[in-house]
N, C-alpha and C. Protein backbone atom coordinates (compact mmCIF):
# COMPACT_ATOMS: atom_id res chain seq x y z
N UNK A 1 -96.69 -76.38 -85.85
CA UNK A 1 -97.23 -76.82 -87.12
C UNK A 1 -98.57 -76.13 -87.34
N UNK A 2 -98.73 -75.54 -88.48
CA UNK A 2 -99.97 -74.85 -88.79
C UNK A 2 -100.82 -75.74 -89.70
N UNK A 3 -102.11 -75.61 -89.52
CA UNK A 3 -103.03 -76.35 -90.36
C UNK A 3 -103.82 -75.37 -91.21
N UNK A 4 -104.25 -75.78 -92.39
CA UNK A 4 -104.98 -74.85 -93.25
C UNK A 4 -106.40 -74.57 -92.77
N UNK A 5 -106.92 -75.38 -91.85
CA UNK A 5 -108.29 -75.19 -91.37
C UNK A 5 -108.22 -74.58 -89.97
N UNK A 6 -108.96 -73.49 -89.77
CA UNK A 6 -108.96 -72.84 -88.46
C UNK A 6 -109.65 -73.74 -87.44
N UNK A 7 -109.29 -73.61 -86.15
CA UNK A 7 -109.88 -74.48 -85.13
C UNK A 7 -111.41 -74.41 -85.06
N UNK A 8 -111.98 -73.26 -85.31
CA UNK A 8 -113.44 -73.14 -85.23
C UNK A 8 -114.14 -73.88 -86.36
N UNK A 9 -113.45 -74.11 -87.47
CA UNK A 9 -114.06 -74.79 -88.61
C UNK A 9 -113.82 -76.30 -88.62
N UNK A 10 -112.99 -76.83 -87.71
CA UNK A 10 -112.65 -78.26 -87.76
C UNK A 10 -113.87 -79.14 -87.51
N UNK A 11 -114.60 -78.91 -86.44
CA UNK A 11 -115.77 -79.75 -86.13
C UNK A 11 -116.88 -79.60 -87.17
N UNK A 12 -117.22 -78.37 -87.58
CA UNK A 12 -118.23 -78.27 -88.64
C UNK A 12 -117.80 -78.96 -89.93
N UNK A 13 -116.53 -78.88 -90.26
CA UNK A 13 -116.05 -79.54 -91.49
C UNK A 13 -116.15 -81.05 -91.35
N UNK A 14 -115.82 -81.59 -90.20
CA UNK A 14 -115.93 -83.03 -89.98
C UNK A 14 -117.40 -83.47 -90.03
N UNK A 15 -118.29 -82.67 -89.44
CA UNK A 15 -119.72 -82.99 -89.51
C UNK A 15 -120.22 -82.93 -90.95
N UNK A 16 -119.78 -81.94 -91.70
CA UNK A 16 -120.20 -81.82 -93.09
C UNK A 16 -119.72 -83.01 -93.91
N UNK A 17 -118.47 -83.41 -93.71
CA UNK A 17 -117.94 -84.55 -94.46
C UNK A 17 -118.70 -85.83 -94.14
N UNK A 18 -118.95 -86.08 -92.86
CA UNK A 18 -119.69 -87.28 -92.47
C UNK A 18 -121.11 -87.27 -93.01
N UNK A 19 -121.78 -86.14 -92.92
CA UNK A 19 -123.15 -86.05 -93.43
C UNK A 19 -123.24 -86.21 -94.93
N UNK A 20 -122.29 -85.63 -95.65
CA UNK A 20 -122.30 -85.77 -97.10
C UNK A 20 -121.98 -87.18 -97.54
N UNK A 21 -121.08 -87.86 -96.83
CA UNK A 21 -120.81 -89.27 -97.14
C UNK A 21 -122.05 -90.13 -96.90
N UNK A 22 -122.77 -89.85 -95.81
CA UNK A 22 -124.00 -90.59 -95.51
C UNK A 22 -125.05 -90.34 -96.59
N UNK A 23 -125.18 -89.08 -97.02
CA UNK A 23 -126.14 -88.76 -98.08
C UNK A 23 -125.74 -89.43 -99.39
N UNK A 24 -124.44 -89.44 -99.69
CA UNK A 24 -123.99 -90.09 -100.91
C UNK A 24 -124.28 -91.59 -100.89
N UNK A 25 -124.16 -92.21 -99.73
CA UNK A 25 -124.47 -93.63 -99.61
C UNK A 25 -125.94 -93.88 -99.93
N UNK A 26 -126.84 -93.02 -99.45
CA UNK A 26 -128.26 -93.20 -99.76
C UNK A 26 -128.54 -92.94 -101.23
N UNK A 27 -127.82 -91.98 -101.81
CA UNK A 27 -128.03 -91.67 -103.22
C UNK A 27 -127.52 -92.80 -104.10
N UNK A 28 -126.38 -93.37 -103.76
CA UNK A 28 -125.83 -94.48 -104.53
C UNK A 28 -126.75 -95.71 -104.41
N UNK A 29 -127.31 -95.91 -103.22
CA UNK A 29 -128.21 -97.04 -102.99
C UNK A 29 -129.41 -96.96 -103.91
N UNK A 30 -129.93 -95.76 -104.09
CA UNK A 30 -131.05 -95.56 -105.00
C UNK A 30 -132.32 -96.20 -104.50
N UNK A 31 -133.15 -96.59 -105.43
CA UNK A 31 -134.40 -97.24 -105.09
C UNK A 31 -135.44 -96.24 -104.61
N UNK A 32 -136.47 -96.74 -103.96
CA UNK A 32 -137.55 -95.84 -103.53
C UNK A 32 -137.18 -94.92 -102.38
N UNK A 33 -136.03 -95.16 -101.73
CA UNK A 33 -135.63 -94.31 -100.60
C UNK A 33 -134.51 -93.33 -100.97
N UNK A 34 -134.38 -92.97 -102.23
CA UNK A 34 -133.34 -92.04 -102.64
C UNK A 34 -133.53 -90.67 -102.00
N UNK A 35 -134.77 -90.31 -101.64
CA UNK A 35 -135.07 -89.01 -101.06
C UNK A 35 -134.45 -88.84 -99.68
N UNK A 36 -134.03 -89.92 -99.05
CA UNK A 36 -133.37 -89.82 -97.74
C UNK A 36 -132.05 -89.06 -97.88
N UNK A 37 -131.44 -89.12 -99.07
CA UNK A 37 -130.21 -88.36 -99.31
C UNK A 37 -130.47 -86.86 -99.18
N UNK A 38 -131.58 -86.39 -99.70
CA UNK A 38 -131.92 -84.97 -99.59
C UNK A 38 -132.16 -84.59 -98.13
N UNK A 39 -132.91 -85.42 -97.43
CA UNK A 39 -133.15 -85.19 -96.01
C UNK A 39 -131.83 -85.17 -95.22
N UNK A 40 -130.92 -86.06 -95.57
CA UNK A 40 -129.63 -86.12 -94.90
C UNK A 40 -128.81 -84.85 -95.14
N UNK A 41 -128.84 -84.33 -96.35
CA UNK A 41 -128.10 -83.10 -96.66
C UNK A 41 -128.69 -81.92 -95.88
N UNK A 42 -130.01 -81.85 -95.80
CA UNK A 42 -130.65 -80.76 -95.05
C UNK A 42 -130.29 -80.85 -93.57
N UNK A 43 -130.38 -82.04 -93.00
CA UNK A 43 -130.05 -82.21 -91.58
C UNK A 43 -128.56 -81.94 -91.33
N UNK A 44 -127.71 -82.31 -92.27
CA UNK A 44 -126.28 -82.02 -92.13
C UNK A 44 -126.03 -80.53 -92.14
N UNK A 45 -126.71 -79.81 -93.02
CA UNK A 45 -126.54 -78.35 -93.07
C UNK A 45 -126.98 -77.71 -91.76
N UNK A 46 -128.09 -78.17 -91.19
CA UNK A 46 -128.56 -77.63 -89.92
C UNK A 46 -127.53 -77.91 -88.83
N UNK A 47 -127.00 -79.13 -88.80
CA UNK A 47 -126.00 -79.50 -87.78
C UNK A 47 -124.72 -78.68 -87.93
N UNK A 48 -124.25 -78.51 -89.16
CA UNK A 48 -123.01 -77.76 -89.39
C UNK A 48 -123.17 -76.30 -88.96
N UNK A 49 -124.30 -75.71 -89.29
CA UNK A 49 -124.54 -74.32 -88.90
C UNK A 49 -124.62 -74.19 -87.39
N UNK A 50 -125.31 -75.13 -86.72
CA UNK A 50 -125.43 -75.03 -85.26
C UNK A 50 -124.09 -75.25 -84.57
N UNK A 51 -123.27 -76.17 -85.07
CA UNK A 51 -121.95 -76.39 -84.47
C UNK A 51 -121.05 -75.18 -84.70
N UNK A 52 -121.13 -74.58 -85.88
CA UNK A 52 -120.33 -73.38 -86.16
C UNK A 52 -120.72 -72.23 -85.24
N UNK A 53 -122.03 -72.02 -85.08
CA UNK A 53 -122.49 -70.95 -84.19
C UNK A 53 -122.10 -71.24 -82.75
N UNK A 54 -122.22 -72.49 -82.33
CA UNK A 54 -121.87 -72.86 -80.97
C UNK A 54 -120.37 -72.65 -80.72
N UNK A 55 -119.55 -72.85 -81.74
CA UNK A 55 -118.11 -72.66 -81.61
C UNK A 55 -117.70 -71.23 -81.33
N UNK A 56 -118.57 -70.28 -81.63
CA UNK A 56 -118.27 -68.88 -81.37
C UNK A 56 -118.69 -68.41 -79.99
N UNK A 57 -119.43 -69.25 -79.25
CA UNK A 57 -119.90 -68.86 -77.93
C UNK A 57 -118.80 -69.03 -76.88
N UNK A 58 -118.91 -68.27 -75.80
CA UNK A 58 -117.95 -68.34 -74.71
C UNK A 58 -118.54 -69.22 -73.60
N UNK A 59 -118.54 -70.53 -73.83
CA UNK A 59 -119.07 -71.49 -72.87
C UNK A 59 -118.29 -72.79 -73.01
N UNK A 60 -118.58 -73.75 -72.13
CA UNK A 60 -117.91 -75.04 -72.23
C UNK A 60 -118.23 -75.73 -73.56
N UNK A 61 -119.51 -75.73 -73.92
CA UNK A 61 -119.90 -76.36 -75.19
C UNK A 61 -119.30 -75.61 -76.37
N UNK A 62 -119.23 -74.30 -76.27
CA UNK A 62 -118.64 -73.51 -77.34
C UNK A 62 -117.16 -73.78 -77.50
N UNK A 63 -116.47 -73.95 -76.37
CA UNK A 63 -115.03 -74.26 -76.44
C UNK A 63 -114.80 -75.62 -77.07
N UNK A 64 -115.64 -76.60 -76.74
CA UNK A 64 -115.49 -77.93 -77.34
C UNK A 64 -115.82 -77.88 -78.82
N UNK A 65 -116.90 -77.19 -79.19
CA UNK A 65 -117.28 -77.10 -80.60
C UNK A 65 -116.27 -76.29 -81.40
N UNK A 66 -115.61 -75.34 -80.76
CA UNK A 66 -114.62 -74.51 -81.44
C UNK A 66 -113.21 -75.06 -81.38
N UNK A 67 -113.04 -76.28 -80.88
CA UNK A 67 -111.74 -76.97 -80.78
C UNK A 67 -110.74 -76.18 -79.95
N UNK A 68 -111.20 -75.61 -78.84
CA UNK A 68 -110.30 -74.89 -77.94
C UNK A 68 -110.56 -75.30 -76.49
N UNK A 69 -110.81 -76.59 -76.29
CA UNK A 69 -111.14 -77.11 -74.96
C UNK A 69 -109.91 -77.13 -74.06
N UNK A 70 -110.13 -76.92 -72.75
CA UNK A 70 -109.04 -77.02 -71.79
C UNK A 70 -108.93 -78.46 -71.29
N UNK A 71 -108.03 -78.68 -70.33
CA UNK A 71 -107.77 -80.05 -69.86
C UNK A 71 -109.00 -80.68 -69.22
N UNK A 72 -109.75 -79.92 -68.45
CA UNK A 72 -110.95 -80.45 -67.80
C UNK A 72 -111.97 -80.90 -68.84
N UNK A 73 -112.17 -80.09 -69.87
CA UNK A 73 -113.13 -80.43 -70.91
C UNK A 73 -112.65 -81.62 -71.73
N UNK A 74 -111.34 -81.71 -71.96
CA UNK A 74 -110.81 -82.86 -72.70
C UNK A 74 -110.94 -84.14 -71.88
N UNK A 75 -110.73 -84.05 -70.56
CA UNK A 75 -110.91 -85.22 -69.71
C UNK A 75 -112.37 -85.66 -69.71
N UNK A 76 -113.29 -84.71 -69.68
CA UNK A 76 -114.71 -85.02 -69.75
C UNK A 76 -115.04 -85.72 -71.07
N UNK A 77 -114.45 -85.24 -72.15
CA UNK A 77 -114.67 -85.86 -73.46
C UNK A 77 -114.12 -87.28 -73.50
N UNK A 78 -112.94 -87.48 -72.93
CA UNK A 78 -112.34 -88.82 -72.92
C UNK A 78 -113.19 -89.77 -72.09
N UNK A 79 -113.66 -89.33 -70.94
CA UNK A 79 -114.51 -90.18 -70.10
C UNK A 79 -115.83 -90.49 -70.78
N UNK A 80 -116.40 -89.52 -71.48
CA UNK A 80 -117.65 -89.75 -72.20
C UNK A 80 -117.46 -90.76 -73.32
N UNK A 81 -116.35 -90.65 -74.04
CA UNK A 81 -116.06 -91.63 -75.11
C UNK A 81 -115.82 -93.02 -74.54
N UNK A 82 -115.16 -93.09 -73.39
CA UNK A 82 -114.94 -94.40 -72.76
C UNK A 82 -116.27 -95.03 -72.36
N UNK A 83 -117.17 -94.23 -71.80
CA UNK A 83 -118.48 -94.75 -71.44
C UNK A 83 -119.25 -95.20 -72.68
N UNK A 84 -119.18 -94.40 -73.74
CA UNK A 84 -119.86 -94.77 -74.98
C UNK A 84 -119.30 -96.08 -75.55
N UNK A 85 -117.99 -96.26 -75.47
CA UNK A 85 -117.38 -97.51 -75.93
C UNK A 85 -117.85 -98.68 -75.09
N UNK A 86 -117.93 -98.50 -73.78
CA UNK A 86 -118.41 -99.58 -72.91
C UNK A 86 -119.86 -99.93 -73.21
N UNK A 87 -120.70 -98.92 -73.43
CA UNK A 87 -122.09 -99.18 -73.77
C UNK A 87 -122.20 -99.88 -75.12
N UNK A 88 -121.41 -99.45 -76.10
CA UNK A 88 -121.43 -100.09 -77.41
C UNK A 88 -120.98 -101.55 -77.33
N UNK A 89 -119.94 -101.81 -76.54
CA UNK A 89 -119.46 -103.18 -76.40
C UNK A 89 -120.50 -104.04 -75.71
N UNK A 90 -121.15 -103.52 -74.69
CA UNK A 90 -122.18 -104.28 -73.98
C UNK A 90 -123.38 -104.55 -74.89
N UNK A 91 -123.83 -103.54 -75.59
CA UNK A 91 -124.98 -103.72 -76.50
C UNK A 91 -124.64 -104.70 -77.62
N UNK A 92 -123.42 -104.63 -78.13
CA UNK A 92 -123.01 -105.56 -79.19
C UNK A 92 -122.95 -106.99 -78.67
N UNK A 93 -122.44 -107.17 -77.46
CA UNK A 93 -122.39 -108.50 -76.88
C UNK A 93 -123.79 -109.06 -76.64
N UNK A 94 -124.70 -108.21 -76.17
CA UNK A 94 -126.08 -108.65 -75.97
C UNK A 94 -126.71 -109.01 -77.31
N UNK A 95 -126.47 -108.21 -78.33
CA UNK A 95 -126.99 -108.52 -79.67
C UNK A 95 -126.43 -109.83 -80.21
N UNK A 96 -125.13 -110.05 -80.02
CA UNK A 96 -124.51 -111.30 -80.46
C UNK A 96 -125.12 -112.49 -79.73
N UNK A 97 -125.27 -112.36 -78.42
CA UNK A 97 -125.86 -113.44 -77.63
C UNK A 97 -127.29 -113.74 -78.08
N UNK A 98 -128.06 -112.70 -78.34
CA UNK A 98 -129.45 -112.89 -78.78
C UNK A 98 -129.51 -113.56 -80.14
N UNK A 99 -128.68 -113.12 -81.10
CA UNK A 99 -128.73 -113.72 -82.43
C UNK A 99 -128.27 -115.17 -82.41
N UNK A 100 -127.33 -115.50 -81.55
CA UNK A 100 -126.92 -116.90 -81.42
C UNK A 100 -128.06 -117.71 -80.79
N UNK A 101 -128.74 -117.14 -79.80
CA UNK A 101 -129.81 -117.86 -79.12
C UNK A 101 -130.98 -118.17 -80.04
N UNK A 102 -131.30 -117.27 -80.96
CA UNK A 102 -132.42 -117.52 -81.87
C UNK A 102 -131.98 -118.21 -83.16
N UNK A 103 -130.71 -118.61 -83.20
CA UNK A 103 -130.16 -119.35 -84.33
C UNK A 103 -130.24 -118.55 -85.64
N UNK A 104 -129.96 -117.26 -85.54
CA UNK A 104 -129.98 -116.39 -86.72
C UNK A 104 -128.63 -116.41 -87.42
N UNK A 105 -128.64 -116.40 -88.75
CA UNK A 105 -127.36 -116.37 -89.47
C UNK A 105 -126.70 -114.99 -89.49
N UNK A 106 -127.35 -113.99 -88.94
CA UNK A 106 -126.84 -112.61 -88.97
C UNK A 106 -126.05 -112.27 -87.72
N UNK A 107 -125.23 -113.16 -87.22
CA UNK A 107 -124.44 -112.91 -86.01
C UNK A 107 -123.10 -112.27 -86.32
N UNK A 108 -122.60 -112.41 -87.54
CA UNK A 108 -121.24 -111.98 -87.85
C UNK A 108 -121.02 -110.47 -87.74
N UNK A 109 -122.01 -109.58 -88.02
CA UNK A 109 -121.73 -108.15 -87.83
C UNK A 109 -121.40 -107.80 -86.38
N UNK A 110 -122.01 -108.53 -85.44
CA UNK A 110 -121.72 -108.28 -84.03
C UNK A 110 -120.28 -108.66 -83.70
N UNK A 111 -119.82 -109.75 -84.29
CA UNK A 111 -118.43 -110.18 -84.06
C UNK A 111 -117.46 -109.16 -84.66
N UNK A 112 -117.80 -108.63 -85.82
CA UNK A 112 -116.94 -107.61 -86.46
C UNK A 112 -116.86 -106.36 -85.58
N UNK A 113 -118.00 -105.93 -85.03
CA UNK A 113 -118.00 -104.74 -84.17
C UNK A 113 -117.20 -104.99 -82.90
N UNK A 114 -117.40 -106.16 -82.28
CA UNK A 114 -116.62 -106.49 -81.07
C UNK A 114 -115.13 -106.55 -81.39
N UNK A 115 -114.78 -107.09 -82.55
CA UNK A 115 -113.38 -107.13 -82.96
C UNK A 115 -112.80 -105.74 -83.16
N UNK A 116 -113.58 -104.85 -83.79
CA UNK A 116 -113.12 -103.48 -83.98
C UNK A 116 -112.96 -102.76 -82.65
N UNK A 117 -113.89 -102.99 -81.72
CA UNK A 117 -113.77 -102.38 -80.40
C UNK A 117 -112.53 -102.90 -79.68
N UNK A 118 -112.28 -104.21 -79.76
CA UNK A 118 -111.10 -104.79 -79.13
C UNK A 118 -109.81 -104.28 -79.73
N UNK A 119 -109.76 -104.19 -81.06
CA UNK A 119 -108.56 -103.67 -81.71
C UNK A 119 -108.34 -102.20 -81.37
N UNK A 120 -109.42 -101.44 -81.29
CA UNK A 120 -109.30 -100.04 -80.90
C UNK A 120 -108.78 -99.89 -79.49
N UNK A 121 -109.24 -100.76 -78.60
CA UNK A 121 -108.77 -100.73 -77.22
C UNK A 121 -107.27 -101.06 -77.16
N UNK A 122 -106.86 -102.11 -77.86
CA UNK A 122 -105.45 -102.48 -77.87
C UNK A 122 -104.58 -101.39 -78.52
N UNK A 123 -105.10 -100.77 -79.57
CA UNK A 123 -104.36 -99.67 -80.21
C UNK A 123 -104.22 -98.50 -79.24
N UNK A 124 -105.27 -98.21 -78.48
CA UNK A 124 -105.20 -97.14 -77.49
C UNK A 124 -104.19 -97.45 -76.40
N UNK A 125 -104.14 -98.71 -75.96
CA UNK A 125 -103.14 -99.08 -74.95
C UNK A 125 -101.73 -98.91 -75.49
N UNK A 126 -101.53 -99.32 -76.74
CA UNK A 126 -100.18 -99.20 -77.30
C UNK A 126 -99.82 -97.75 -77.59
N UNK A 127 -100.80 -96.92 -77.94
CA UNK A 127 -100.51 -95.52 -78.26
C UNK A 127 -100.35 -94.66 -77.02
N UNK A 128 -101.21 -94.88 -76.02
CA UNK A 128 -101.24 -94.00 -74.86
C UNK A 128 -100.72 -94.66 -73.60
N UNK A 129 -100.27 -95.90 -73.68
CA UNK A 129 -99.74 -96.59 -72.50
C UNK A 129 -98.42 -95.98 -72.07
N UNK A 130 -98.00 -96.29 -70.84
CA UNK A 130 -96.75 -95.73 -70.31
C UNK A 130 -95.53 -96.35 -70.98
N UNK A 131 -94.51 -95.55 -71.16
CA UNK A 131 -93.24 -96.03 -71.70
C UNK A 131 -92.43 -96.65 -70.58
N UNK A 132 -91.50 -97.52 -70.94
CA UNK A 132 -90.63 -98.14 -69.94
C UNK A 132 -89.75 -97.10 -69.26
N UNK A 133 -89.32 -96.11 -70.03
CA UNK A 133 -88.45 -95.07 -69.46
C UNK A 133 -89.19 -94.27 -68.39
N UNK A 134 -90.45 -93.94 -68.65
CA UNK A 134 -91.23 -93.18 -67.66
C UNK A 134 -91.48 -94.01 -66.41
N UNK A 135 -91.77 -95.29 -66.60
CA UNK A 135 -92.02 -96.16 -65.46
C UNK A 135 -90.79 -96.36 -64.60
N UNK A 136 -89.63 -96.48 -65.24
CA UNK A 136 -88.39 -96.63 -64.49
C UNK A 136 -88.07 -95.37 -63.71
N UNK A 137 -88.34 -94.22 -64.31
CA UNK A 137 -88.07 -92.96 -63.62
C UNK A 137 -88.98 -92.81 -62.40
N UNK A 138 -90.23 -93.21 -62.54
CA UNK A 138 -91.16 -93.10 -61.42
C UNK A 138 -90.78 -94.08 -60.31
N UNK A 139 -90.35 -95.28 -60.67
CA UNK A 139 -89.97 -96.26 -59.67
C UNK A 139 -88.64 -95.92 -59.01
N UNK A 140 -87.74 -95.26 -59.75
CA UNK A 140 -86.45 -94.89 -59.18
C UNK A 140 -86.63 -93.87 -58.06
N UNK A 141 -87.58 -92.97 -58.21
CA UNK A 141 -87.82 -91.97 -57.18
C UNK A 141 -88.45 -92.57 -55.93
N UNK A 142 -89.07 -93.73 -56.05
CA UNK A 142 -89.74 -94.34 -54.90
C UNK A 142 -88.74 -94.86 -53.88
N UNK A 143 -87.51 -95.20 -54.31
CA UNK A 143 -86.54 -95.74 -53.36
C UNK A 143 -85.87 -94.65 -52.54
N UNK A 144 -86.04 -93.38 -52.90
CA UNK A 144 -85.41 -92.27 -52.19
C UNK A 144 -86.42 -91.53 -51.33
N UNK A 145 -87.31 -92.25 -50.70
CA UNK A 145 -88.32 -91.62 -49.86
C UNK A 145 -87.69 -91.21 -48.54
N UNK A 146 -87.87 -89.97 -48.20
CA UNK A 146 -87.33 -89.47 -46.92
C UNK A 146 -88.41 -89.55 -45.86
N UNK A 147 -88.05 -89.95 -44.67
CA UNK A 147 -89.04 -90.05 -43.61
C UNK A 147 -89.56 -88.66 -43.21
N UNK A 148 -90.77 -88.63 -42.73
CA UNK A 148 -91.38 -87.39 -42.31
C UNK A 148 -90.73 -86.91 -41.02
N UNK A 149 -90.47 -85.60 -40.89
CA UNK A 149 -89.87 -85.10 -39.66
C UNK A 149 -90.87 -85.12 -38.48
N UNK A 150 -92.13 -85.21 -38.79
CA UNK A 150 -93.15 -85.24 -37.74
C UNK A 150 -93.39 -86.69 -37.34
N UNK A 151 -93.29 -86.96 -36.01
CA UNK A 151 -93.51 -88.35 -35.57
C UNK A 151 -94.73 -88.45 -34.77
């Protein structure tokens, strides 16, 4: 399957989209902080250019930025995301506990974040968990273990 966007442009395009959405949110908000939208666009442009340039380099970071990472780099990325999720869940739980302790009415965003993290975890288990067919095949091979010829 071919995609219309080349691999080297995927990450810069995603960064550009996210930055422009963030800038649009500040612009729509208006008020005395409308200028943050301009700052956001400038910072997004700097980030997009740096990610694009990094994607052309022949290094680990360049391979990740250019969407051509190997298995080792993808495993590193998965482990880093898992750690980030654990840190986010811990920080959210601490924030929820603190807001409940001080009797603040602003506790519900923490519950929403914890719920999203939990649903994401369950979705990941259902998407990437083992199939019954694979598990049966692995267990079927375990009953045919041959003894070692060396005693």
